[in-house]
Amino acid sequence: MQHNRAVQFMPFDSLKGFREYLKYIEKENDIDIDKMLYNKIKELKINDIIKVEYFYYDELLEIYGIIKEITNKYLVISNTKVLIKDILCIN
């Protein structure tokens, strides 16, 4: 008797394929954002003044300052090392 009752409340996917579509769109957007950030980073030069939003552990931080060093893994902005993989936005 309990088994039939449980089946009655099982979730039902009325929009078949919709979840897969959302995952696809999310992945495409991530790729576009990565390309945009990559292009911005390529244009940066030592002594440029920039503002960067980035994640540090679970916290979203913002730094404004002069670029001291640029590598393929991080930027040093006013003596703060920011990993490129953690950057959300560059202005």
C-alpha atoms as a PDB file:
ATOM      1  CA  MET A   1       0.000   0.000   0.000  1.00  0.00           C
ATOM      2  CA  GLN A   2       2.836   2.408   0.836  1.00  0.00           C
ATOM      3  CA  HIS A   3       4.537   1.757  -2.516  1.00  0.00           C
ATOM      4  CA  ASN A   4       1.529   2.916  -4.548  1.00  0.00           C
ATOM      5  CA  ARG A   5       1.189   6.013  -2.440  1.00  0.00           C
ATOM      6  CA  ALA A   6       4.865   6.930  -3.053  1.00  0.00           C
ATOM      7  CA  VAL A   7       4.421   6.597  -6.834  1.00  0.00           C
ATOM      8  CA  GLN A   8       1.561   9.060  -6.639  1.00  0.00           C
ATOM      9  CA  PHE A   9       3.960  11.802  -5.462  1.00  0.00           C
ATOM     10  CA  MET A  10       6.898  11.076  -7.766  1.00  0.00           C
ATOM     11  CA  PRO A  11       8.087  14.118  -9.722  1.00  0.00           C
ATOM     12  CA  PHE A  12       7.092  14.343 -13.329  1.00  0.00           C
ATOM     13  CA  ASP A  13       8.974  16.045 -16.132  1.00  0.00           C
ATOM     14  CA  SER A  14       6.300  17.752 -18.198  1.00  0.00           C
ATOM     15  CA  LEU A  15       8.865  19.512 -20.399  1.00  0.00           C
ATOM     16  CA  LYS A  16      10.881  16.604 -21.693  1.00  0.00           C
ATOM     17  CA  GLY A  17      14.356  17.733 -22.768  1.00  0.00           C
ATOM     18  CA  PHE A  18      14.030  21.175 -21.183  1.00  0.00           C
ATOM     19  CA  ARG A  19      16.591  20.489 -18.439  1.00  0.00           C
ATOM     20  CA  GLU A  20      19.128  19.326 -21.035  1.00  0.00           C
ATOM     21  CA  TYR A  21      18.469  22.468 -23.086  1.00  0.00           C
ATOM     22  CA  LEU A  22      19.091  24.684 -20.044  1.00  0.00           C
ATOM     23  CA  LYS A  23      22.388  22.899 -19.347  1.00  0.00           C
ATOM     24  CA  TYR A  24      23.404  23.415 -23.000  1.00  0.00           C
ATOM     25  CA  ILE A  25      22.566  27.144 -22.894  1.00  0.00           C
ATOM     26  CA  GLU A  26      24.424  27.555 -19.600  1.00  0.00           C
ATOM     27  CA  LYS A  27      27.519  25.872 -21.060  1.00  0.00           C
ATOM     28  CA  GLU A  28      27.399  28.081 -24.190  1.00  0.00           C
ATOM     29  CA  ASN A  29      27.141  31.230 -22.053  1.00  0.00           C
ATOM     30  CA  ASP A  30      30.117  30.135 -19.937  1.00  0.00           C
ATOM     31  CA  ILE A  31      32.210  29.679 -23.088  1.00  0.00           C
ATOM     32  CA  ASP A  32      31.246  33.149 -24.381  1.00  0.00           C
ATOM     33  CA  ILE A  33      32.107  34.762 -21.043  1.00  0.00           C
ATOM     34  CA  ASP A  34      35.446  32.930 -20.921  1.00  0.00           C
ATOM     35  CA  LYS A  35      36.285  34.202 -24.421  1.00  0.00           C
ATOM     36  CA  MET A  36      35.399  37.772 -23.473  1.00  0.00           C
ATOM     37  CA  LEU A  37      37.556  37.666 -20.332  1.00  0.00           C
ATOM     38  CA  TYR A  38      40.414  36.049 -22.228  1.00  0.00           C
ATOM     39  CA  ASN A  39      40.287  38.819 -24.845  1.00  0.00           C
ATOM     40  CA  LYS A  40      40.282  41.513 -22.151  1.00  0.00           C
ATOM     41  CA  ILE A  41      43.228  39.904 -20.373  1.00  0.00           C
ATOM     42  CA  LYS A  42      45.195  39.730 -23.636  1.00  0.00           C
ATOM     43  CA  GLU A  43      44.813  43.505 -24.018  1.00  0.00           C
ATOM     44  CA  LEU A  44      46.095  44.330 -20.516  1.00  0.00           C
ATOM     45  CA  LYS A  45      49.528  45.855 -19.997  1.00  0.00           C
ATOM     46  CA  ILE A  46      51.751  46.491 -17.009  1.00  0.00           C
ATOM     47  CA  ASN A  47      50.829  49.811 -15.310  1.00  0.00           C
ATOM     48  CA  ASP A  48      47.225  49.741 -16.619  1.00  0.00           C
ATOM     49  CA  ILE A  49      44.715  50.815 -13.988  1.00  0.00           C
ATOM     50  CA  ILE A  50      41.839  48.328 -13.740  1.00  0.00           C
ATOM     51  CA  LYS A  51      39.009  47.170 -11.529  1.00  0.00           C
ATOM     52  CA  VAL A  52      38.568  43.406 -11.128  1.00  0.00           C
ATOM     53  CA  GLU A  53      35.787  41.428  -9.483  1.00  0.00           C
ATOM     54  CA  TYR A  54      36.937  37.975  -8.438  1.00  0.00           C
ATOM     55  CA  PHE A  55      36.124  35.087  -6.145  1.00  0.00           C
ATOM     56  CA  TYR A  56      38.379  34.354  -3.204  1.00  0.00           C
ATOM     57  CA  TYR A  57      37.176  31.111  -1.677  1.00  0.00           C
ATOM     58  CA  ASP A  58      33.403  31.716  -1.373  1.00  0.00           C
ATOM     59  CA  GLU A  59      33.607  35.491  -1.197  1.00  0.00           C
ATOM     60  CA  LEU A  60      33.197  37.942  -4.089  1.00  0.00           C
ATOM     61  CA  LEU A  61      35.845  40.661  -3.856  1.00  0.00           C
ATOM     62  CA  GLU A  62      36.718  43.737  -5.873  1.00  0.00           C
ATOM     63  CA  ILE A  63      40.106  45.339  -6.356  1.00  0.00           C
ATOM     64  CA  TYR A  64      41.008  48.576  -8.089  1.00  0.00           C
ATOM     65  CA  GLY A  65      44.617  49.324  -8.848  1.00  0.00           C
ATOM     66  CA  ILE A  66      47.670  49.210 -11.076  1.00  0.00           C
ATOM     67  CA  ILE A  67      48.727  46.003 -12.801  1.00  0.00           C
ATOM     68  CA  LYS A  68      52.191  45.036 -11.576  1.00  0.00           C
ATOM     69  CA  GLU A  69      52.530  41.605 -13.228  1.00  0.00           C
ATOM     70  CA  ILE A  70      50.673  39.500 -15.811  1.00  0.00           C
ATOM     71  CA  THR A  71      51.143  35.757 -16.284  1.00  0.00           C
ATOM     72  CA  ASN A  72      49.010  33.054 -17.862  1.00  0.00           C
ATOM     73  CA  LYS A  73      47.762  32.057 -14.377  1.00  0.00           C
ATOM     74  CA  TYR A  74      47.376  35.294 -12.438  1.00  0.00           C
ATOM     75  CA  LEU A  75      47.478  39.083 -12.347  1.00  0.00           C
ATOM     76  CA  VAL A  76      49.194  41.097  -9.643  1.00  0.00           C
ATOM     77  CA  ILE A  77      47.169  44.226  -8.975  1.00  0.00           C
ATOM     78  CA  SER A  78      48.571  46.619  -6.366  1.00  0.00           C
ATOM     79  CA  ASN A  79      50.454  43.763  -4.644  1.00  0.00           C
ATOM     80  CA  THR A  80      47.425  41.424  -4.664  1.00  0.00           C
ATOM     81  CA  LYS A  81      47.707  38.221  -6.686  1.00  0.00           C
ATOM     82  CA  VAL A  82      44.417  37.380  -8.423  1.00  0.00           C
ATOM     83  CA  LEU A  83      44.106  34.006 -10.125  1.00  0.00           C
ATOM     84  CA  ILE A  84      42.736  34.354 -13.642  1.00  0.00           C
ATOM     85  CA  LYS A  85      40.423  31.370 -13.136  1.00  0.00           C
ATOM     86  CA  ASP A  86      38.753  33.273 -10.257  1.00  0.00           C
ATOM     87  CA  ILE A  87      38.080  36.494 -12.207  1.00  0.00           C
ATOM     88  CA  LEU A  88      34.440  37.292 -12.820  1.00  0.00           C
ATOM     89  CA  CYS A  89      34.704  40.738 -14.418  1.00  0.00           C
ATOM     90  CA  ILE A  90      37.354  43.220 -15.569  1.00  0.00           C
ATOM     91  CA  ASN A  91      36.634  46.944 -16.019  1.00  0.00           C
END
